[in-house]
Amino acid sequence: MDQVTDSDVAGLVEAIRRREAPTLARNCLLKLRAMFAWAMLSDRRRSFGLEANPVTCS
């Protein structure tokens, strides 16, 4: 989990979108955001080795 980058996530979502599945791409992104938000809680973040959330909303 600590090796996932923002470009990995963007590449996956974009590849799904290019397959003409925009709803699936959006749902995938929402689920990834939820998973990383859960993983970024302080005790979990340390156990997963995460330093930053690769799916933060800017």
C-alpha atoms as a PDB file:
ATOM      1  CA  MET A   1       0.000   0.000   0.000  1.00  0.00           C
ATOM      2  CA  ASP A   2       2.883   2.367   0.709  1.00  0.00           C
ATOM      3  CA  GLN A   3       4.101   2.021  -2.878  1.00  0.00           C
ATOM      4  CA  VAL A   4       0.887   3.321  -4.500  1.00  0.00           C
ATOM      5  CA  THR A   5       1.353   6.776  -5.994  1.00  0.00           C
ATOM      6  CA  ASP A   6      -1.079   9.402  -7.194  1.00  0.00           C
ATOM      7  CA  SER A   7      -0.057   8.658 -10.787  1.00  0.00           C
ATOM      8  CA  ASP A   8      -0.873   4.960 -10.242  1.00  0.00           C
ATOM      9  CA  VAL A   9      -4.373   5.854  -9.119  1.00  0.00           C
ATOM     10  CA  ALA A  10      -4.844   8.395 -11.906  1.00  0.00           C
ATOM     11  CA  GLY A  11      -3.608   5.906 -14.500  1.00  0.00           C
ATOM     12  CA  LEU A  12      -6.012   3.224 -13.318  1.00  0.00           C
ATOM     13  CA  VAL A  13      -9.023   5.525 -13.242  1.00  0.00           C
ATOM     14  CA  GLU A  14      -8.129   7.034 -16.621  1.00  0.00           C
ATOM     15  CA  ALA A  15      -7.709   3.577 -18.184  1.00  0.00           C
ATOM     16  CA  ILE A  16     -11.170   2.598 -16.955  1.00  0.00           C
ATOM     17  CA  ARG A  17     -12.633   5.866 -18.253  1.00  0.00           C
ATOM     18  CA  ARG A  18     -11.043   5.319 -21.687  1.00  0.00           C
ATOM     19  CA  ARG A  19     -12.868   1.995 -21.897  1.00  0.00           C
ATOM     20  CA  GLU A  20     -16.012   4.119 -22.057  1.00  0.00           C
ATOM     21  CA  ALA A  21     -16.943   3.288 -18.501  1.00  0.00           C
ATOM     22  CA  PRO A  22     -17.040   6.714 -16.818  1.00  0.00           C
ATOM     23  CA  THR A  23     -19.415   5.603 -14.074  1.00  0.00           C
ATOM     24  CA  LEU A  24     -17.197   2.664 -13.184  1.00  0.00           C
ATOM     25  CA  ALA A  25     -14.140   4.964 -13.184  1.00  0.00           C
ATOM     26  CA  ARG A  26     -15.856   7.398 -10.815  1.00  0.00           C
ATOM     27  CA  ASN A  27     -17.011   4.605  -8.500  1.00  0.00           C
ATOM     28  CA  CYS A  28     -13.495   3.159  -8.468  1.00  0.00           C
ATOM     29  CA  LEU A  29     -12.032   6.544  -7.547  1.00  0.00           C
ATOM     30  CA  LEU A  30     -14.586   7.010  -4.769  1.00  0.00           C
ATOM     31  CA  LYS A  31     -13.764   3.590  -3.319  1.00  0.00           C
ATOM     32  CA  LEU A  32     -10.013   4.252  -3.516  1.00  0.00           C
ATOM     33  CA  ARG A  33     -10.503   7.581  -1.728  1.00  0.00           C
ATOM     34  CA  ALA A  34     -12.501   5.872   1.018  1.00  0.00           C
ATOM     35  CA  MET A  35      -9.934   3.099   1.419  1.00  0.00           C
ATOM     36  CA  PHE A  36      -7.016   5.527   1.712  1.00  0.00           C
ATOM     37  CA  ALA A  37      -8.954   7.832   4.054  1.00  0.00           C
ATOM     38  CA  TRP A  38      -9.492   4.785   6.294  1.00  0.00           C
ATOM     39  CA  ALA A  39      -5.838   3.739   5.970  1.00  0.00           C
ATOM     40  CA  MET A  40      -4.543   7.221   6.833  1.00  0.00           C
ATOM     41  CA  LEU A  41      -5.845   7.180  10.407  1.00  0.00           C
ATOM     42  CA  SER A  42      -2.787   7.511  12.649  1.00  0.00           C
ATOM     43  CA  ASP A  43      -2.505   3.958  13.968  1.00  0.00           C
ATOM     44  CA  ARG A  44      -3.255   2.395  10.587  1.00  0.00           C
ATOM     45  CA  ARG A  45      -0.997   4.772   8.651  1.00  0.00           C
ATOM     46  CA  ARG A  46       2.024   3.577  10.587  1.00  0.00           C
ATOM     47  CA  SER A  47       1.175  -0.095  10.158  1.00  0.00           C
ATOM     48  CA  PHE A  48       0.744   0.346   6.385  1.00  0.00           C
ATOM     49  CA  GLY A  49       3.873   2.500   6.090  1.00  0.00           C
ATOM     50  CA  LEU A  50       1.996   5.422   4.545  1.00  0.00           C
ATOM     51  CA  GLU A  51       3.506   8.891   4.706  1.00  0.00           C
ATOM     52  CA  ALA A  52       0.920  10.660   2.545  1.00  0.00           C
ATOM     53  CA  ASN A  53      -2.464   9.944   1.024  1.00  0.00           C
ATOM     54  CA  PRO A  54      -2.013   9.413  -2.742  1.00  0.00           C
ATOM     55  CA  VAL A  55      -5.701  10.073  -3.383  1.00  0.00           C
ATOM     56  CA  THR A  56      -6.186  13.390  -1.602  1.00  0.00           C
ATOM     57  CA  CYS A  57      -8.672  15.795  -3.063  1.00  0.00           C
ATOM     58  CA  SER A  58      -7.113  19.064  -4.098  1.00  0.00           C
END
